[in-house]
């Protein structure tokens, strides 16, 4: 039997010495978790996690499609996972007062905390100076309503159309100003059953190629209206114009705004998309005092009108 060489003995000696050093260092033997500056919001499929903010939610961004968020009553956010095996991701919430809340989000079978109430919390982060010139001043709701009233008087266009089970939705006009996007949605009920509105959701999305989808998780920004003029139901053979002022968001040429109308007592869901390039070229509204001098660079060609256009 061949005896080990002197080099082998030296190597074994230094390995033992390194092991002794590692075992003598308590910080390396303890399983410590580095604390993150941002809390993790845990969600579960068996219950809903609630977040309540001191102001209305303007933008909610989930870093993964494995989670769903719904904005209710302006300042409340409901969160749930689509599956128990969804990977951890990020969560960003911006309120109408330009306060931002940054969190991690993860799935847990029994979350220790499902109620996040920030109404009495003053330790919040604000947007850095220069991002929003009006960050210290909240625009009154009446200003958005005046802009909507002016837009209603303009010539209507067919920017997006969708029909399902006798219900027809048409995005009839679109405009922007320095702080908001204004959308008019006509809903026509061609049936004998009333169409009761549950809620209308607006989501900024991005189209991505198959190759980039494998590398990048698509981002979605669910936004809550800053102001609205909307009926609660559309009578049989009736038609209503729903007007919404949304937070301003700059999308890419491949981005779009998805509009989804949901029924309260039924499954007649309506959906349409508005490409971001059309938002960028839509009517620009001056201040309410000079709204009569609106300038338009919008094209009049119709836009995609079905859910099949959405990737």
C-alpha atoms as a PDB file:
ATOM      1  CA  UNK A   1       0.000   0.000   0.000  1.00  0.00           C
ATOM      2  CA  UNK A   2       1.363   3.385  -1.018  1.00  0.00           C
ATOM      3  CA  UNK A   3       1.956   5.817   1.861  1.00  0.00           C
ATOM      4  CA  UNK A   4       0.565   9.375   1.563  1.00  0.00           C
ATOM      5  CA  UNK A   5       3.084  11.997   0.502  1.00  0.00           C
ATOM      6  CA  UNK A   6       4.244  14.879   2.650  1.00  0.00           C
ATOM      7  CA  UNK A   7       2.174  17.287   0.514  1.00  0.00           C
ATOM      8  CA  UNK A   8      -0.979  15.322   1.312  1.00  0.00           C
ATOM      9  CA  UNK A   9      -0.255  15.548   5.040  1.00  0.00           C
ATOM     10  CA  UNK A  10       0.259  19.327   4.793  1.00  0.00           C
ATOM     11  CA  UNK A  11      -2.996  19.747   2.869  1.00  0.00           C
ATOM     12  CA  UNK A  12      -4.911  17.737   5.447  1.00  0.00           C
ATOM     13  CA  UNK A  13      -3.357  19.788   8.278  1.00  0.00           C
ATOM     14  CA  UNK A  14      -4.401  23.120   6.760  1.00  0.00           C
ATOM     15  CA  UNK A  15      -7.935  21.846   6.090  1.00  0.00           C
ATOM     16  CA  UNK A  16      -8.281  20.881   9.755  1.00  0.00           C
ATOM     17  CA  UNK A  17      -6.923  24.279  10.818  1.00  0.00           C
ATOM     18  CA  UNK A  18      -9.435  26.122   8.616  1.00  0.00           C
ATOM     19  CA  UNK A  19     -12.268  24.022  10.008  1.00  0.00           C
ATOM     20  CA  UNK A  20     -11.251  24.889  13.574  1.00  0.00           C
ATOM     21  CA  UNK A  21     -11.262  28.603  12.709  1.00  0.00           C
ATOM     22  CA  UNK A  22     -14.746  28.341  11.226  1.00  0.00           C
ATOM     23  CA  UNK A  23     -16.135  26.500  14.231  1.00  0.00           C
ATOM     24  CA  UNK A  24     -14.635  29.046  16.623  1.00  0.00           C
ATOM     25  CA  UNK A  25     -16.439  31.942  14.873  1.00  0.00           C
ATOM     26  CA  UNK A  26     -19.983  32.115  16.339  1.00  0.00           C
ATOM     27  CA  UNK A  27     -21.261  34.512  13.672  1.00  0.00           C
ATOM     28  CA  UNK A  28     -20.569  31.872  11.023  1.00  0.00           C
ATOM     29  CA  UNK A  29     -22.171  28.939  12.836  1.00  0.00           C
ATOM     30  CA  UNK A  30     -25.402  30.718  13.685  1.00  0.00           C
ATOM     31  CA  UNK A  31     -28.096  30.834  11.020  1.00  0.00           C
ATOM     32  CA  UNK A  32     -28.706  34.557  11.055  1.00  0.00           C
ATOM     33  CA  UNK A  33     -31.047  36.303   8.638  1.00  0.00           C
ATOM     34  CA  UNK A  34     -30.040  39.743   7.457  1.00  0.00           C
ATOM     35  CA  UNK A  35     -32.790  42.194   8.275  1.00  0.00           C
ATOM     36  CA  UNK A  36     -34.262  44.016   5.317  1.00  0.00           C
ATOM     37  CA  UNK A  37     -35.108  47.749   5.515  1.00  0.00           C
ATOM     38  CA  UNK A  38     -38.510  46.899   4.003  1.00  0.00           C
ATOM     39  CA  UNK A  39     -41.080  44.638   5.632  1.00  0.00           C
ATOM     40  CA  UNK A  40     -42.428  41.556   3.910  1.00  0.00           C
ATOM     41  CA  UNK A  41     -46.175  41.406   3.407  1.00  0.00           C
ATOM     42  CA  UNK A  42     -47.227  37.765   3.655  1.00  0.00           C
ATOM     43  CA  UNK A  43     -50.353  36.594   1.851  1.00  0.00           C
ATOM     44  CA  UNK A  44     -52.268  33.318   1.893  1.00  0.00           C
ATOM     45  CA  UNK A  45     -54.733  31.612  -0.407  1.00  0.00           C
ATOM     46  CA  UNK A  46     -57.056  30.899   2.505  1.00  0.00           C
ATOM     47  CA  UNK A  47     -57.442  34.512   3.620  1.00  0.00           C
ATOM     48  CA  UNK A  48     -57.080  38.062   2.316  1.00  0.00           C
ATOM     49  CA  UNK A  49     -54.353  40.470   3.408  1.00  0.00           C
ATOM     50  CA  UNK A  50     -55.585  44.043   3.867  1.00  0.00           C
ATOM     51  CA  UNK A  51     -53.607  47.279   3.616  1.00  0.00           C
ATOM     52  CA  UNK A  52     -55.197  50.602   4.583  1.00  0.00           C
ATOM     53  CA  UNK A  53     -53.492  53.885   3.715  1.00  0.00           C
ATOM     54  CA  UNK A  54     -54.072  57.461   4.944  1.00  0.00           C
ATOM     55  CA  UNK A  55     -54.723  58.603   1.361  1.00  0.00           C
ATOM     56  CA  UNK A  56     -56.239  57.115  -1.765  1.00  0.00           C
ATOM     57  CA  UNK A  57     -54.067  54.716  -3.724  1.00  0.00           C
ATOM     58  CA  UNK A  58     -52.919  56.189  -7.042  1.00  0.00           C
ATOM     59  CA  UNK A  59     -50.614  53.409  -8.276  1.00  0.00           C
ATOM     60  CA  UNK A  60     -50.176  49.817  -7.109  1.00  0.00           C
ATOM     61  CA  UNK A  61     -47.374  47.761  -8.689  1.00  0.00           C
ATOM     62  CA  UNK A  62     -46.852  44.041  -8.081  1.00  0.00           C
ATOM     63  CA  UNK A  63     -43.570  42.663  -9.382  1.00  0.00           C
ATOM     64  CA  UNK A  64     -45.102  39.283 -10.268  1.00  0.00           C
ATOM     65  CA  UNK A  65     -48.268  38.047 -11.948  1.00  0.00           C
ATOM     66  CA  UNK A  66     -48.502  35.405  -9.234  1.00  0.00           C
ATOM     67  CA  UNK A  67     -50.220  37.907  -6.939  1.00  0.00           C
ATOM     68  CA  UNK A  68     -53.430  39.884  -7.389  1.00  0.00           C
ATOM     69  CA  UNK A  69     -54.322  43.203  -5.812  1.00  0.00           C
ATOM     70  CA  UNK A  70     -57.636  45.025  -5.734  1.00  0.00           C
ATOM     71  CA  UNK A  71     -58.132  48.637  -4.700  1.00  0.00           C
ATOM     72  CA  UNK A  72     -61.340  49.327  -2.792  1.00  0.00           C
ATOM     73  CA  UNK A  73     -62.863  52.556  -1.439  1.00  0.00           C
ATOM     74  CA  UNK A  74     -59.837  54.503  -2.621  1.00  0.00           C
ATOM     75  CA  UNK A  75     -57.441  53.821   0.241  1.00  0.00           C
ATOM     76  CA  UNK A  76     -57.787  50.054   0.818  1.00  0.00           C
ATOM     77  CA  UNK A  77     -55.773  47.344  -0.927  1.00  0.00           C
ATOM     78  CA  UNK A  78     -56.700  43.637  -0.923  1.00  0.00           C
ATOM     79  CA  UNK A  79     -53.922  41.137  -1.680  1.00  0.00           C
ATOM     80  CA  UNK A  80     -53.989  37.396  -2.460  1.00  0.00           C
ATOM     81  CA  UNK A  81     -51.724  34.879  -4.233  1.00  0.00           C
ATOM     82  CA  UNK A  82     -52.836  32.921  -7.286  1.00  0.00           C
ATOM     83  CA  UNK A  83     -51.097  29.792  -5.994  1.00  0.00           C
ATOM     84  CA  UNK A  84     -49.334  28.593  -2.857  1.00  0.00           C
ATOM     85  CA  UNK A  85     -46.061  28.063  -4.733  1.00  0.00           C
ATOM     86  CA  UNK A  86     -45.678  31.586  -6.099  1.00  0.00           C
ATOM     87  CA  UNK A  87     -42.182  33.057  -5.679  1.00  0.00           C
ATOM     88  CA  UNK A  88     -41.534  36.128  -3.486  1.00  0.00           C
ATOM     89  CA  UNK A  89     -41.686  39.444  -5.277  1.00  0.00           C
ATOM     90  CA  UNK A  90     -41.945  43.197  -4.730  1.00  0.00           C
ATOM     91  CA  UNK A  91     -44.813  45.557  -3.942  1.00  0.00           C
ATOM     92  CA  UNK A  92     -44.959  49.307  -4.454  1.00  0.00           C
ATOM     93  CA  UNK A  93     -47.871  51.560  -3.539  1.00  0.00           C
ATOM     94  CA  UNK A  94     -48.068  55.282  -4.275  1.00  0.00           C
ATOM     95  CA  UNK A  95     -50.863  57.388  -2.842  1.00  0.00           C
ATOM     96  CA  UNK A  96     -52.458  60.509  -4.271  1.00  0.00           C
ATOM     97  CA  UNK A  97     -50.341  62.582  -1.867  1.00  0.00           C
ATOM     98  CA  UNK A  98     -47.158  61.127  -3.445  1.00  0.00           C
ATOM     99  CA  UNK A  99     -46.344  58.940  -0.463  1.00  0.00           C
ATOM    100  CA  UNK A 100     -44.723  55.675  -1.458  1.00  0.00           C
ATOM    101  CA  UNK A 101     -44.670  52.360   0.388  1.00  0.00           C
ATOM    102  CA  UNK A 102     -42.097  49.720  -0.555  1.00  0.00           C
ATOM    103  CA  UNK A 103     -42.487  46.090   0.529  1.00  0.00           C
ATOM    104  CA  UNK A 104     -41.547  42.565  -0.329  1.00  0.00           C
ATOM    105  CA  UNK A 105     -44.485  40.211  -0.836  1.00  0.00           C
ATOM    106  CA  UNK A 106     -44.449  36.447  -0.278  1.00  0.00           C
ATOM    107  CA  UNK A 107     -46.846  33.554   0.217  1.00  0.00           C
ATOM    108  CA  UNK A 108     -47.205  31.920   3.623  1.00  0.00           C
ATOM    109  CA  UNK A 109     -49.697  29.324   4.778  1.00  0.00           C
ATOM    110  CA  UNK A 110     -50.586  31.177   7.991  1.00  0.00           C
ATOM    111  CA  UNK A 111     -49.418  34.820   7.894  1.00  0.00           C
ATOM    112  CA  UNK A 112     -48.609  36.364  11.251  1.00  0.00           C
ATOM    113  CA  UNK A 113     -50.027  39.697  10.130  1.00  0.00           C
ATOM    114  CA  UNK A 114     -52.836  40.250   7.638  1.00  0.00           C
ATOM    115  CA  UNK A 115     -53.886  43.799   8.613  1.00  0.00           C
ATOM    116  CA  UNK A 116     -51.574  46.669   7.636  1.00  0.00           C
ATOM    117  CA  UNK A 117     -53.052  49.978   8.775  1.00  0.00           C
ATOM    118  CA  UNK A 118     -50.975  53.041   7.891  1.00  0.00           C
ATOM    119  CA  UNK A 119     -53.559  55.679   8.757  1.00  0.00           C
ATOM    120  CA  UNK A 120     -51.767  56.584  11.985  1.00  0.00           C
ATOM    121  CA  UNK A 121     -48.263  56.049  10.587  1.00  0.00           C
ATOM    122  CA  UNK A 122     -46.314  59.177   9.782  1.00  0.00           C
ATOM    123  CA  UNK A 123     -43.048  57.392   8.979  1.00  0.00           C
ATOM    124  CA  UNK A 124     -43.555  57.129   5.254  1.00  0.00           C
ATOM    125  CA  UNK A 125     -41.281  57.857   2.347  1.00  0.00           C
ATOM    126  CA  UNK A 126     -42.088  60.663  -0.051  1.00  0.00           C
ATOM    127  CA  UNK A 127     -41.089  61.164  -3.634  1.00  0.00           C
ATOM    128  CA  UNK A 128     -37.737  62.957  -3.999  1.00  0.00           C
ATOM    129  CA  UNK A 129     -37.905  66.601  -4.974  1.00  0.00           C
ATOM    130  CA  UNK A 130     -38.113  67.136  -8.698  1.00  0.00           C
ATOM    131  CA  UNK A 131     -40.163  64.044  -9.563  1.00  0.00           C
ATOM    132  CA  UNK A 132     -43.440  65.861  -9.166  1.00  0.00           C
ATOM    133  CA  UNK A 133     -43.592  69.615  -9.099  1.00  0.00           C
ATOM    134  CA  UNK A 134     -46.897  69.476  -7.229  1.00  0.00           C
ATOM    135  CA  UNK A 135     -45.863  66.880  -4.659  1.00  0.00           C
ATOM    136  CA  UNK A 136     -46.652  69.182  -1.748  1.00  0.00           C
ATOM    137  CA  UNK A 137     -49.997  70.257  -3.169  1.00  0.00           C
ATOM    138  CA  UNK A 138     -52.857  67.850  -3.748  1.00  0.00           C
ATOM    139  CA  UNK A 139     -55.074  68.883  -6.640  1.00  0.00           C
ATOM    140  CA  UNK A 140     -58.705  69.277  -5.538  1.00  0.00           C
ATOM    141  CA  UNK A 141     -61.092  66.650  -6.852  1.00  0.00           C
ATOM    142  CA  UNK A 142     -63.232  69.384  -8.387  1.00  0.00           C
ATOM    143  CA  UNK A 143     -60.435  70.209 -10.847  1.00  0.00           C
ATOM    144  CA  UNK A 144     -60.500  66.679 -12.275  1.00  0.00           C
ATOM    145  CA  UNK A 145     -64.294  66.822 -12.535  1.00  0.00           C
ATOM    146  CA  UNK A 146     -64.121  70.079 -14.498  1.00  0.00           C
ATOM    147  CA  UNK A 147     -61.701  68.511 -16.930  1.00  0.00           C
ATOM    148  CA  UNK A 148     -64.036  65.546 -17.376  1.00  0.00           C
ATOM    149  CA  UNK A 149     -66.979  67.859 -18.029  1.00  0.00           C
ATOM    150  CA  UNK A 150     -64.980  69.667 -20.708  1.00  0.00           C
ATOM    151  CA  UNK A 151     -63.951  66.377 -22.346  1.00  0.00           C
ATOM    152  CA  UNK A 152     -67.574  65.228 -22.503  1.00  0.00           C
ATOM    153  CA  UNK A 153     -68.370  68.229 -24.711  1.00  0.00           C
ATOM    154  CA  UNK A 154     -65.728  67.278 -27.279  1.00  0.00           C
ATOM    155  CA  UNK A 155     -66.372  65.164 -30.357  1.00  0.00           C
ATOM    156  CA  UNK A 156     -66.437  61.485 -29.439  1.00  0.00           C
ATOM    157  CA  UNK A 157     -64.137  58.933 -31.074  1.00  0.00           C
ATOM    158  CA  UNK A 158     -63.971  55.138 -31.017  1.00  0.00           C
ATOM    159  CA  UNK A 159     -60.635  54.406 -29.354  1.00  0.00           C
ATOM    160  CA  UNK A 160     -61.439  50.861 -28.217  1.00  0.00           C
ATOM    161  CA  UNK A 161     -64.503  48.663 -28.622  1.00  0.00           C
ATOM    162  CA  UNK A 162     -65.664  45.395 -27.136  1.00  0.00           C
ATOM    163  CA  UNK A 163     -69.050  43.631 -27.088  1.00  0.00           C
ATOM    164  CA  UNK A 164     -70.137  40.574 -25.144  1.00  0.00           C
ATOM    165  CA  UNK A 165     -73.557  39.033 -24.461  1.00  0.00           C
ATOM    166  CA  UNK A 166     -75.473  42.096 -25.583  1.00  0.00           C
ATOM    167  CA  UNK A 167     -73.299  44.583 -23.679  1.00  0.00           C
ATOM    168  CA  UNK A 168     -71.116  46.957 -25.676  1.00  0.00           C
ATOM    169  CA  UNK A 169     -68.251  49.048 -24.332  1.00  0.00           C
ATOM    170  CA  UNK A 170     -66.617  51.887 -26.269  1.00  0.00           C
ATOM    171  CA  UNK A 171     -63.757  54.094 -25.107  1.00  0.00           C
ATOM    172  CA  UNK A 172     -65.140  57.238 -26.688  1.00  0.00           C
ATOM    173  CA  UNK A 173     -62.569  59.891 -25.792  1.00  0.00           C
ATOM    174  CA  UNK A 174     -59.190  60.395 -24.213  1.00  0.00           C
ATOM    175  CA  UNK A 175     -57.185  63.359 -22.933  1.00  0.00           C
ATOM    176  CA  UNK A 176     -54.295  64.240 -20.647  1.00  0.00           C
ATOM    177  CA  UNK A 177     -53.077  67.205 -18.662  1.00  0.00           C
ATOM    178  CA  UNK A 178     -50.016  67.699 -16.467  1.00  0.00           C
ATOM    179  CA  UNK A 179     -51.267  65.370 -13.743  1.00  0.00           C
ATOM    180  CA  UNK A 180     -53.873  62.948 -15.078  1.00  0.00           C
ATOM    181  CA  UNK A 181     -55.259  60.872 -17.932  1.00  0.00           C
ATOM    182  CA  UNK A 182     -58.963  61.359 -18.681  1.00  0.00           C
ATOM    183  CA  UNK A 183     -60.986  58.491 -20.146  1.00  0.00           C
ATOM    184  CA  UNK A 184     -64.611  58.356 -21.295  1.00  0.00           C
ATOM    185  CA  UNK A 185     -66.199  54.908 -21.505  1.00  0.00           C
ATOM    186  CA  UNK A 186     -69.644  54.405 -23.075  1.00  0.00           C
ATOM    187  CA  UNK A 187     -71.452  51.253 -21.930  1.00  0.00           C
ATOM    188  CA  UNK A 188     -74.549  50.227 -23.903  1.00  0.00           C
ATOM    189  CA  UNK A 189     -76.984  47.589 -22.677  1.00  0.00           C
ATOM    190  CA  UNK A 190     -78.806  45.943 -25.605  1.00  0.00           C
ATOM    191  CA  UNK A 191     -80.529  43.350 -23.416  1.00  0.00           C
ATOM    192  CA  UNK A 192     -83.643  43.259 -21.226  1.00  0.00           C
ATOM    193  CA  UNK A 193     -81.614  42.619 -18.053  1.00  0.00           C
ATOM    194  CA  UNK A 194     -80.124  45.569 -16.133  1.00  0.00           C
ATOM    195  CA  UNK A 195     -76.342  45.717 -16.119  1.00  0.00           C
ATOM    196  CA  UNK A 196     -75.222  46.546 -12.578  1.00  0.00           C
ATOM    197  CA  UNK A 197     -71.651  47.758 -12.375  1.00  0.00           C
ATOM    198  CA  UNK A 198     -69.365  46.117  -9.843  1.00  0.00           C
ATOM    199  CA  UNK A 199     -66.298  48.204 -10.592  1.00  0.00           C
ATOM    200  CA  UNK A 200     -64.159  49.371 -13.488  1.00  0.00           C
ATOM    201  CA  UNK A 201     -60.443  48.598 -13.288  1.00  0.00           C
ATOM    202  CA  UNK A 202     -57.568  50.269 -15.096  1.00  0.00           C
ATOM    203  CA  UNK A 203     -54.156  48.633 -15.527  1.00  0.00           C
ATOM    204  CA  UNK A 204     -51.080  49.922 -17.319  1.00  0.00           C
ATOM    205  CA  UNK A 205     -49.287  46.980 -18.959  1.00  0.00           C
ATOM    206  CA  UNK A 206     -46.340  46.297 -21.251  1.00  0.00           C
ATOM    207  CA  UNK A 207     -46.154  43.970 -24.251  1.00  0.00           C
ATOM    208  CA  UNK A 208     -43.042  41.817 -24.259  1.00  0.00           C
ATOM    209  CA  UNK A 209     -41.553  39.405 -26.781  1.00  0.00           C
ATOM    210  CA  UNK A 210     -41.420  35.719 -25.919  1.00  0.00           C
ATOM    211  CA  UNK A 211     -37.675  35.966 -25.455  1.00  0.00           C
ATOM    212  CA  UNK A 212     -37.849  38.855 -22.981  1.00  0.00           C
ATOM    213  CA  UNK A 213     -40.700  37.233 -21.055  1.00  0.00           C
ATOM    214  CA  UNK A 214     -38.324  34.464 -20.018  1.00  0.00           C
ATOM    215  CA  UNK A 215     -35.850  36.970 -18.629  1.00  0.00           C
ATOM    216  CA  UNK A 216     -38.058  39.750 -17.287  1.00  0.00           C
ATOM    217  CA  UNK A 217     -41.178  39.553 -15.166  1.00  0.00           C
ATOM    218  CA  UNK A 218     -43.780  41.784 -16.883  1.00  0.00           C
ATOM    219  CA  UNK A 219     -44.755  44.809 -14.807  1.00  0.00           C
ATOM    220  CA  UNK A 220     -48.366  45.823 -14.269  1.00  0.00           C
ATOM    221  CA  UNK A 221     -49.555  49.019 -12.655  1.00  0.00           C
ATOM    222  CA  UNK A 222     -53.108  48.921 -11.334  1.00  0.00           C
ATOM    223  CA  UNK A 223     -54.334  52.478 -10.842  1.00  0.00           C
ATOM    224  CA  UNK A 224     -57.302  53.866  -8.946  1.00  0.00           C
ATOM    225  CA  UNK A 225     -59.288  56.807 -10.413  1.00  0.00           C
ATOM    226  CA  UNK A 226     -58.536  60.204  -8.925  1.00  0.00           C
ATOM    227  CA  UNK A 227     -62.117  61.255  -9.706  1.00  0.00           C
ATOM    228  CA  UNK A 228     -65.033  59.759 -11.573  1.00  0.00           C
ATOM    229  CA  UNK A 229     -68.536  60.383 -12.868  1.00  0.00           C
ATOM    230  CA  UNK A 230     -70.114  56.967 -13.291  1.00  0.00           C
ATOM    231  CA  UNK A 231     -73.553  55.407 -13.029  1.00  0.00           C
ATOM    232  CA  UNK A 232     -74.107  52.342 -10.834  1.00  0.00           C
ATOM    233  CA  UNK A 233     -76.217  50.511 -13.437  1.00  0.00           C
ATOM    234  CA  UNK A 234     -77.205  50.615 -17.102  1.00  0.00           C
ATOM    235  CA  UNK A 235     -80.914  50.145 -17.672  1.00  0.00           C
ATOM    236  CA  UNK A 236     -82.230  47.668 -20.267  1.00  0.00           C
ATOM    237  CA  UNK A 237     -81.778  49.117 -23.767  1.00  0.00           C
ATOM    238  CA  UNK A 238     -79.958  52.014 -22.112  1.00  0.00           C
ATOM    239  CA  UNK A 239     -76.589  53.691 -22.441  1.00  0.00           C
ATOM    240  CA  UNK A 240     -74.365  55.520 -19.964  1.00  0.00           C
ATOM    241  CA  UNK A 241     -71.109  57.466 -20.231  1.00  0.00           C
ATOM    242  CA  UNK A 242     -68.585  56.638 -17.519  1.00  0.00           C
ATOM    243  CA  UNK A 243     -65.896  59.304 -16.999  1.00  0.00           C
ATOM    244  CA  UNK A 244     -62.631  58.693 -15.127  1.00  0.00           C
ATOM    245  CA  UNK A 245     -59.544  60.708 -14.225  1.00  0.00           C
ATOM    246  CA  UNK A 246     -56.517  58.412 -13.787  1.00  0.00           C
ATOM    247  CA  UNK A 247     -52.988  59.036 -12.486  1.00  0.00           C
ATOM    248  CA  UNK A 248     -50.638  60.026 -15.290  1.00  0.00           C
ATOM    249  CA  UNK A 249     -48.295  57.229 -16.360  1.00  0.00           C
ATOM    250  CA  UNK A 250     -45.769  57.251 -19.203  1.00  0.00           C
ATOM    251  CA  UNK A 251     -45.697  53.904 -20.981  1.00  0.00           C
ATOM    252  CA  UNK A 252     -43.468  52.703 -23.791  1.00  0.00           C
ATOM    253  CA  UNK A 253     -44.538  52.282 -27.421  1.00  0.00           C
ATOM    254  CA  UNK A 254     -45.397  48.675 -26.608  1.00  0.00           C
ATOM    255  CA  UNK A 255     -47.391  49.569 -23.507  1.00  0.00           C
ATOM    256  CA  UNK A 256     -51.149  49.938 -23.194  1.00  0.00           C
ATOM    257  CA  UNK A 257     -53.930  50.756 -20.750  1.00  0.00           C
ATOM    258  CA  UNK A 258     -56.360  47.911 -20.146  1.00  0.00           C
ATOM    259  CA  UNK A 259     -59.921  48.860 -19.209  1.00  0.00           C
ATOM    260  CA  UNK A 260     -62.067  46.131 -17.636  1.00  0.00           C
ATOM    261  CA  UNK A 261     -65.752  46.588 -16.714  1.00  0.00           C
ATOM    262  CA  UNK A 262     -67.126  43.995 -14.296  1.00  0.00           C
ATOM    263  CA  UNK A 263     -70.763  43.189 -13.579  1.00  0.00           C
ATOM    264  CA  UNK A 264     -72.010  42.910  -9.984  1.00  0.00           C
ATOM    265  CA  UNK A 265     -74.770  40.307 -10.480  1.00  0.00           C
ATOM    266  CA  UNK A 266     -73.489  38.408 -13.483  1.00  0.00           C
ATOM    267  CA  UNK A 267     -70.510  37.335 -15.568  1.00  0.00           C
ATOM    268  CA  UNK A 268     -70.760  39.743 -18.491  1.00  0.00           C
ATOM    269  CA  UNK A 269     -67.217  41.115 -18.305  1.00  0.00           C
ATOM    270  CA  UNK A 270     -66.082  43.751 -20.796  1.00  0.00           C
ATOM    271  CA  UNK A 271     -62.485  44.572 -21.677  1.00  0.00           C
ATOM    272  CA  UNK A 272     -60.626  46.840 -24.064  1.00  0.00           C
ATOM    273  CA  UNK A 273     -57.142  48.269 -24.489  1.00  0.00           C
ATOM    274  CA  UNK A 274     -55.746  51.710 -25.306  1.00  0.00           C
ATOM    275  CA  UNK A 275     -52.134  51.745 -26.611  1.00  0.00           C
ATOM    276  CA  UNK A 276     -49.798  54.028 -24.683  1.00  0.00           C
ATOM    277  CA  UNK A 277     -48.741  55.748 -27.906  1.00  0.00           C
ATOM    278  CA  UNK A 278     -52.311  56.993 -28.325  1.00  0.00           C
ATOM    279  CA  UNK A 279     -52.344  58.312 -24.757  1.00  0.00           C
ATOM    280  CA  UNK A 280     -49.121  60.192 -25.487  1.00  0.00           C
ATOM    281  CA  UNK A 281     -50.708  61.758 -28.611  1.00  0.00           C
ATOM    282  CA  UNK A 282     -54.153  62.436 -27.171  1.00  0.00           C
ATOM    283  CA  UNK A 283     -55.815  65.779 -26.444  1.00  0.00           C
ATOM    284  CA  UNK A 284     -53.820  67.959 -24.061  1.00  0.00           C
ATOM    285  CA  UNK A 285     -56.056  69.897 -21.678  1.00  0.00           C
ATOM    286  CA  UNK A 286     -54.990  73.268 -20.370  1.00  0.00           C
ATOM    287  CA  UNK A 287     -55.820  74.328 -16.829  1.00  0.00           C
ATOM    288  CA  UNK A 288     -59.568  74.379 -16.086  1.00  0.00           C
ATOM    289  CA  UNK A 289     -59.594  78.171 -16.396  1.00  0.00           C
ATOM    290  CA  UNK A 290     -58.324  77.880 -19.991  1.00  0.00           C
ATOM    291  CA  UNK A 291     -59.776  74.506 -20.884  1.00  0.00           C
ATOM    292  CA  UNK A 292     -61.411  75.933 -23.975  1.00  0.00           C
ATOM    293  CA  UNK A 293     -58.011  76.167 -25.643  1.00  0.00           C
ATOM    294  CA  UNK A 294     -57.324  72.445 -25.692  1.00  0.00           C
ATOM    295  CA  UNK A 295     -54.871  71.271 -28.284  1.00  0.00           C
ATOM    296  CA  UNK A 296     -55.218  67.950 -30.055  1.00  0.00           C
ATOM    297  CA  UNK A 297     -52.615  65.873 -31.813  1.00  0.00           C
ATOM    298  CA  UNK A 298     -54.602  62.681 -31.695  1.00  0.00           C
ATOM    299  CA  UNK A 299     -55.054  60.443 -34.706  1.00  0.00           C
ATOM    300  CA  UNK A 300     -58.591  59.443 -35.605  1.00  0.00           C
ATOM    301  CA  UNK A 301     -57.952  55.857 -36.700  1.00  0.00           C
ATOM    302  CA  UNK A 302     -59.658  53.183 -34.546  1.00  0.00           C
ATOM    303  CA  UNK A 303     -57.576  51.195 -32.103  1.00  0.00           C
ATOM    304  CA  UNK A 304     -57.478  47.480 -31.223  1.00  0.00           C
ATOM    305  CA  UNK A 305     -60.816  46.406 -29.825  1.00  0.00           C
ATOM    306  CA  UNK A 306     -60.608  42.908 -28.439  1.00  0.00           C
ATOM    307  CA  UNK A 307     -59.002  40.960 -25.659  1.00  0.00           C
ATOM    308  CA  UNK A 308     -57.154  38.894 -28.254  1.00  0.00           C
ATOM    309  CA  UNK A 309     -54.897  41.947 -28.788  1.00  0.00           C
ATOM    310  CA  UNK A 310     -53.672  41.688 -25.222  1.00  0.00           C
ATOM    311  CA  UNK A 311     -50.619  39.443 -24.850  1.00  0.00           C
END
